[in-house]
């Protein structure tokens, strides 16, 4: 990967509080009386699951690449130019992973803010967390709009796409920093919908690159394992040789599972954008009859993603 510009992104996570608890408490306690209040609370709960699962999937993809790097290093450890363990090239470096996490956390905070203002559950701590996330996104917006020929944090997009992302981040950041009234929520959702689409497309295109790299990583692992067996197989006992050959099949299965995980990540991000659009339409038309089912499907999609990345081997 090319060297990335040095941009400021959030270090760590937002101040700790549960994005999930308020919507559930409001629904279970009977406070979410209007259809819009009910559905924004459900949407916040589903978005929480989407973001947590997506962040886990990104980390799983990074770990896959690290495994490939370490395996490659073993093969050339005694070569003329031995591997330096300090020079692992990550699929996404720490700064890039933080940037993707910032975007996802911003979407989670946005969904929570919608639930808060429609359900009357705003608090100083929630407002402070939203303001912090909003400030973070606005700083990232500036980085995307810096005029650099290479988009920040490893995103493989064009300059025009980077400009659109910059605008979307700024709009979302402005909303999180500001304090909106309850009556403005349908208008907010409608105005935010195209920005959500832009950010979802950014993440989707990013995952396309990750899937391609993942495929290449596994092919490298397979070649390295095959070369090891052919070169050193005569030094192995029959049982050891059999175990090493078995690893080739295990790598194929792991490759397929990993691609399923990344494909599910794409599906989850796409479903999030589609569900937000349905929420925007329903908020304007007041027709929310089928929205609960769509939001439930979104949460189920996030759970499937969670299952995929948790099923991956750790080594």
Protein backbone atom coordinates (compact mmCIF):
# COMPACT_ATOMS: atom_id res chain seq x y z
CA UNK A 1 0.00 0.00 0.00
CA UNK A 2 1.26 3.54 -0.73
CA UNK A 3 2.37 5.70 2.17
CA UNK A 4 -0.56 7.47 3.71
CA UNK A 5 -0.77 11.18 4.56
CA UNK A 6 -0.52 12.01 8.23
CA UNK A 7 -4.04 13.06 9.25
CA UNK A 8 -5.57 13.51 12.65
CA UNK A 9 -8.13 10.92 13.62
CA UNK A 10 -9.67 9.92 16.87
CA UNK A 11 -7.55 7.91 19.24
CA UNK A 12 -9.54 5.28 21.14
CA UNK A 13 -13.30 5.25 21.39
CA UNK A 14 -16.00 7.65 22.43
CA UNK A 15 -16.77 8.25 26.10
CA UNK A 16 -18.34 5.10 27.44
CA UNK A 17 -22.08 4.79 27.50
CA UNK A 18 -24.52 2.29 26.08
CA UNK A 19 -26.02 3.20 22.71
CA UNK A 20 -28.32 0.26 23.13
CA UNK A 21 -29.84 0.85 26.55
CA UNK A 22 -31.80 4.08 26.01
CA UNK A 23 -33.90 2.94 23.03
CA UNK A 24 -34.71 -0.36 24.73
CA UNK A 25 -35.60 1.29 28.02
CA UNK A 26 -37.85 3.79 26.28
CA UNK A 27 -39.67 1.11 24.33
CA UNK A 28 -40.00 -1.28 27.24
CA UNK A 29 -41.00 1.52 29.58
CA UNK A 30 -43.75 2.71 27.29
CA UNK A 31 -42.22 6.16 26.69
CA UNK A 32 -41.84 5.77 22.92
CA UNK A 33 -45.49 6.53 22.11
CA UNK A 34 -45.26 7.88 18.55
CA UNK A 35 -44.47 5.65 15.55
CA UNK A 36 -41.45 7.80 14.67
CA UNK A 37 -40.10 7.58 18.22
CA UNK A 38 -40.56 3.80 18.23
CA UNK A 39 -38.83 3.33 14.90
CA UNK A 40 -35.89 5.64 15.54
CA UNK A 41 -35.28 3.70 18.77
CA UNK A 42 -35.40 0.41 16.88
CA UNK A 43 -33.14 1.85 14.19
CA UNK A 44 -30.60 2.95 16.82
CA UNK A 45 -30.57 -0.54 18.34
CA UNK A 46 -30.05 -2.16 14.93
CA UNK A 47 -27.36 0.37 13.98
CA UNK A 48 -25.52 -0.43 17.20
CA UNK A 49 -25.36 -4.09 16.13
CA UNK A 50 -24.34 -3.12 12.58
CA UNK A 51 -21.45 -0.94 13.72
CA UNK A 52 -20.12 -3.37 16.32
CA UNK A 53 -20.20 -6.25 13.83
CA UNK A 54 -18.65 -4.16 11.05
CA UNK A 55 -15.79 -3.00 13.25
CA UNK A 56 -15.14 -6.61 14.25
CA UNK A 57 -15.12 -7.67 10.60
CA UNK A 58 -12.59 -4.99 9.68
CA UNK A 59 -10.31 -6.16 12.47
CA UNK A 60 -10.68 -9.77 11.30
CA UNK A 61 -9.62 -8.74 7.79
CA UNK A 62 -6.57 -6.96 9.20
CA UNK A 63 -5.66 -10.03 11.23
CA UNK A 64 -5.89 -12.19 8.11
CA UNK A 65 -3.36 -10.01 6.33
CA UNK A 66 -1.07 -10.08 9.36
CA UNK A 67 -1.20 -13.89 9.30
CA UNK A 68 -0.11 -13.85 5.66
CA UNK A 69 2.74 -11.48 6.42
CA UNK A 70 4.02 -13.64 9.25
CA UNK A 71 3.72 -16.81 7.20
CA UNK A 72 5.64 -15.20 4.34
CA UNK A 73 8.33 -14.11 6.80
CA UNK A 74 8.85 -17.69 7.96
CA UNK A 75 9.59 -18.76 4.39
CA UNK A 76 12.32 -16.15 3.84
CA UNK A 77 13.72 -15.87 7.36
CA UNK A 78 17.08 -17.34 6.32
CA UNK A 79 17.21 -15.52 2.97
CA UNK A 80 19.82 -12.94 1.99
CA UNK A 81 17.40 -10.19 3.01
CA UNK A 82 15.75 -11.58 6.15
CA UNK A 83 12.46 -10.29 7.42
CA UNK A 84 12.39 -7.51 9.99
CA UNK A 85 9.48 -8.18 12.41
CA UNK A 86 9.08 -4.41 12.85
CA UNK A 87 8.13 -4.01 9.18
CA UNK A 88 4.80 -5.84 8.97
CA UNK A 89 2.65 -4.16 6.31
CA UNK A 90 -0.91 -4.21 7.54
CA UNK A 91 -3.89 -4.44 5.20
CA UNK A 92 -5.14 -1.33 7.02
CA UNK A 93 -2.72 0.47 9.32
CA UNK A 94 -3.75 1.68 12.77
CA UNK A 95 -4.56 5.17 11.48
CA UNK A 96 -6.66 3.82 8.65
CA UNK A 97 -8.53 1.44 10.94
CA UNK A 98 -9.26 4.35 13.29
CA UNK A 99 -10.66 6.36 10.36
CA UNK A 100 -13.06 3.58 9.38
CA UNK A 101 -14.05 3.13 13.00
CA UNK A 102 -14.67 6.88 13.29
CA UNK A 103 -17.10 6.77 10.37
CA UNK A 104 -18.93 3.76 11.77
CA UNK A 105 -19.08 5.26 15.26
CA UNK A 106 -20.38 8.48 13.73
CA UNK A 107 -23.23 6.56 12.10
CA UNK A 108 -24.00 4.84 15.40
CA UNK A 109 -24.01 8.15 17.26
CA UNK A 110 -26.23 9.71 14.59
CA UNK A 111 -28.81 6.92 14.97
CA UNK A 112 -28.69 7.32 18.74
CA UNK A 113 -29.22 11.07 18.46
CA UNK A 114 -32.33 10.49 16.35
CA UNK A 115 -33.71 8.17 19.02
CA UNK A 116 -32.80 10.63 21.78
CA UNK A 117 -34.50 13.69 20.31
CA UNK A 118 -37.66 11.83 19.30
CA UNK A 119 -37.95 10.06 22.66
CA UNK A 120 -37.00 13.01 24.86
CA UNK A 121 -34.03 11.16 26.34
CA UNK A 122 -31.28 13.72 25.78
CA UNK A 123 -28.67 14.16 28.50
CA UNK A 124 -25.44 16.06 28.94
CA UNK A 125 -23.34 12.92 28.59
CA UNK A 126 -25.09 11.86 25.39
CA UNK A 127 -24.80 15.35 23.95
CA UNK A 128 -21.11 15.47 24.83
CA UNK A 129 -20.47 12.13 23.13
CA UNK A 130 -22.32 13.27 20.01
CA UNK A 131 -20.36 16.53 19.95
CA UNK A 132 -17.07 14.61 20.24
CA UNK A 133 -18.02 12.29 17.38
CA UNK A 134 -19.18 15.23 15.28
CA UNK A 135 -15.95 17.14 15.81
CA UNK A 136 -14.02 14.03 14.84
CA UNK A 137 -15.94 13.64 11.58
CA UNK A 138 -15.51 17.30 10.70
CA UNK A 139 -11.74 16.95 11.14
CA UNK A 140 -11.79 13.94 8.84
CA UNK A 141 -13.86 15.93 6.35
CA UNK A 142 -11.07 18.47 6.16
CA UNK A 143 -8.56 15.69 5.48
CA UNK A 144 -10.63 14.32 2.61
CA UNK A 145 -10.94 17.82 1.14
CA UNK A 146 -7.27 18.73 1.57
CA UNK A 147 -6.50 18.62 -2.14
CA UNK A 148 -4.15 15.66 -1.77
CA UNK A 149 -3.95 13.40 -4.81
CA UNK A 150 -4.13 10.38 -2.48
CA UNK A 151 -7.29 10.09 -0.31
CA UNK A 152 -6.49 9.75 3.40
CA UNK A 153 -6.17 6.55 5.38
CA UNK A 154 -5.84 4.19 2.44
CA UNK A 155 -9.29 4.63 0.86
CA UNK A 156 -9.01 3.77 -2.84
CA UNK A 157 -11.29 6.45 -4.30
CA UNK A 158 -11.03 9.28 -6.81
CA UNK A 159 -10.64 12.94 -5.93
CA UNK A 160 -14.29 13.66 -6.86
CA UNK A 161 -15.44 10.82 -4.61
CA UNK A 162 -13.24 12.16 -1.83
CA UNK A 163 -14.92 15.56 -2.17
CA UNK A 164 -18.37 13.96 -1.86
CA UNK A 165 -17.21 12.05 1.22
CA UNK A 166 -15.80 15.25 2.68
CA UNK A 167 -19.20 16.94 2.31
CA UNK A 168 -21.04 13.96 3.81
CA UNK A 169 -18.72 13.84 6.82
CA UNK A 170 -19.14 17.56 7.42
CA UNK A 171 -22.95 17.41 7.21
CA UNK A 172 -23.06 14.45 9.60
CA UNK A 173 -20.53 16.10 11.91
CA UNK A 174 -22.48 19.37 11.96
CA UNK A 175 -25.62 17.51 12.98
CA UNK A 176 -23.91 15.69 15.83
CA UNK A 177 -22.31 18.87 17.15
CA UNK A 178 -25.53 20.89 16.96
CA UNK A 179 -28.63 20.56 19.13
CA UNK A 180 -31.76 19.77 17.12
CA UNK A 181 -35.39 19.97 18.23
CA UNK A 182 -37.85 17.14 18.22
CA UNK A 183 -40.01 18.63 15.45
CA UNK A 184 -37.05 18.75 13.07
CA UNK A 185 -36.37 15.01 13.07
CA UNK A 186 -38.23 14.05 9.83
CA UNK A 187 -36.45 16.89 8.04
CA UNK A 188 -33.11 15.86 9.52
CA UNK A 189 -33.52 12.24 8.40
CA UNK A 190 -34.50 13.33 4.89
CA UNK A 191 -31.57 15.73 4.55
CA UNK A 192 -29.12 13.22 5.98
CA UNK A 193 -30.20 10.36 3.71
CA UNK A 194 -28.00 11.25 0.70
CA UNK A 195 -25.02 11.70 3.03
CA UNK A 196 -25.60 8.26 4.52
CA UNK A 197 -25.65 6.89 0.97
CA UNK A 198 -22.29 8.52 0.17
CA UNK A 199 -20.63 7.14 3.30
CA UNK A 200 -22.10 3.68 2.72
CA UNK A 201 -20.74 3.67 -0.83
CA UNK A 202 -17.33 4.68 0.50
CA UNK A 203 -17.31 1.71 2.87
CA UNK A 204 -18.63 -0.59 0.15
CA UNK A 205 -15.84 0.34 -2.28
CA UNK A 206 -13.33 -0.11 0.52
CA UNK A 207 -14.59 -3.64 1.16
CA UNK A 208 -14.24 -4.47 -2.55
CA UNK A 209 -10.52 -3.73 -2.19
CA UNK A 210 -10.30 -5.78 1.01
CA UNK A 211 -11.94 -8.78 -0.65
CA UNK A 212 -9.46 -8.65 -3.50
CA UNK A 213 -6.54 -8.38 -1.08
CA UNK A 214 -7.95 -11.18 1.07
CA UNK A 215 -8.06 -13.48 -1.94
CA UNK A 216 -4.44 -12.63 -2.79
CA UNK A 217 -3.37 -13.22 0.83
CA UNK A 218 -4.82 -16.70 0.92
CA UNK A 219 -3.30 -17.60 -2.43
CA UNK A 220 0.07 -16.59 -0.99
CA UNK A 221 -0.54 -18.72 2.09
CA UNK A 222 -1.44 -21.71 -0.07
CA UNK A 223 1.70 -21.34 -2.20
CA UNK A 224 3.88 -20.97 0.90
CA UNK A 225 2.37 -24.06 2.53
CA UNK A 226 2.74 -26.09 -0.66
CA UNK A 227 6.38 -24.97 -1.04
CA UNK A 228 7.10 -25.94 2.57
CA UNK A 229 5.69 -29.43 2.07
CA UNK A 230 7.61 -30.00 -1.14
CA UNK A 231 10.87 -28.63 0.22
CA UNK A 232 10.83 -30.07 3.72
CA UNK A 233 8.42 -32.97 3.44
CA UNK A 234 11.18 -35.55 3.46
CA UNK A 235 12.22 -34.35 6.92
CA UNK A 236 8.74 -34.90 8.33
CA UNK A 237 7.32 -38.06 9.77
CA UNK A 238 4.34 -39.57 7.91
CA UNK A 239 1.96 -38.18 10.54
CA UNK A 240 3.55 -34.72 10.41
CA UNK A 241 3.48 -34.69 6.59
CA UNK A 242 -0.17 -35.71 6.61
CA UNK A 243 -0.97 -32.85 9.03
CA UNK A 244 0.84 -30.31 6.83
CA UNK A 245 -1.00 -31.50 3.70
CA UNK A 246 -4.28 -31.27 5.59
CA UNK A 247 -3.56 -27.58 6.20
CA UNK A 248 -3.94 -26.91 2.45
CA UNK A 249 -7.59 -27.94 2.59
CA UNK A 250 -8.09 -25.99 5.79
CA UNK A 251 -6.70 -22.87 4.11
CA UNK A 252 -9.18 -23.25 1.23
CA UNK A 253 -12.07 -23.46 3.69
CA UNK A 254 -10.74 -20.49 5.63
CA UNK A 255 -10.41 -18.48 2.40
CA UNK A 256 -14.06 -19.17 1.55
CA UNK A 257 -15.22 -18.31 5.06
CA UNK A 258 -13.28 -15.06 5.06
CA UNK A 259 -14.73 -14.01 1.71
CA UNK A 260 -18.19 -14.85 3.05
CA UNK A 261 -17.44 -12.58 6.01
CA UNK A 262 -16.36 -9.68 3.80
CA UNK A 263 -19.33 -10.19 1.48
CA UNK A 264 -21.60 -10.16 4.52
CA UNK A 265 -19.94 -6.93 5.64
CA UNK A 266 -20.85 -5.39 2.28
CA UNK A 267 -24.40 -6.68 2.61
CA UNK A 268 -24.69 -5.23 6.12
CA UNK A 269 -23.52 -1.76 5.08
CA UNK A 270 -25.86 -1.82 2.08
CA UNK A 271 -28.78 -2.92 4.25
CA UNK A 272 -28.04 -0.10 6.70
CA UNK A 273 -28.24 2.53 3.93
CA UNK A 274 -31.44 1.00 2.52
CA UNK A 275 -33.06 0.88 5.96
CA UNK A 276 -32.15 4.51 6.64
CA UNK A 277 -33.71 5.46 3.29
CA UNK A 278 -36.87 3.58 4.24
CA UNK A 279 -36.89 5.47 7.56
CA UNK A 280 -36.55 8.76 5.68
CA UNK A 281 -39.48 7.92 3.40
CA UNK A 282 -41.62 6.75 6.32
CA UNK A 283 -40.82 9.86 8.39
CA UNK A 284 -42.15 12.06 5.58
CA UNK A 285 -45.16 9.94 4.61
CA UNK A 286 -46.08 8.81 8.16
CA UNK A 287 -46.51 5.28 6.71
CA UNK A 288 -44.40 3.10 8.99
CA UNK A 289 -46.33 -0.16 8.80
CA UNK A 290 -43.49 -2.30 7.39
CA UNK A 291 -40.54 -0.42 8.86
CA UNK A 292 -40.19 -2.55 12.00
CA UNK A 293 -39.74 -5.66 9.88
CA UNK A 294 -37.09 -3.98 7.74
CA UNK A 295 -35.21 -2.80 10.83
CA UNK A 296 -35.42 -6.30 12.33
CA UNK A 297 -33.92 -7.66 9.10
CA UNK A 298 -31.07 -5.16 9.44
CA UNK A 299 -30.33 -6.35 12.96
CA UNK A 300 -30.43 -9.98 11.81
CA UNK A 301 -27.97 -9.14 9.02
CA UNK A 302 -25.60 -7.64 11.59
CA UNK A 303 -25.88 -10.77 13.72
CA UNK A 304 -24.95 -12.96 10.75
CA UNK A 305 -21.88 -10.81 10.19
CA UNK A 306 -20.99 -11.18 13.86
CA UNK A 307 -21.21 -14.95 13.50
CA UNK A 308 -18.93 -14.94 10.45
CA UNK A 309 -16.02 -13.07 11.94
CA UNK A 310 -16.28 -14.83 15.31
CA UNK A 311 -16.09 -18.20 13.52
CA UNK A 312 -12.73 -17.40 11.92
CA UNK A 313 -9.70 -19.22 13.34
CA UNK A 314 -7.43 -17.05 15.44
CA UNK A 315 -4.23 -18.32 13.78
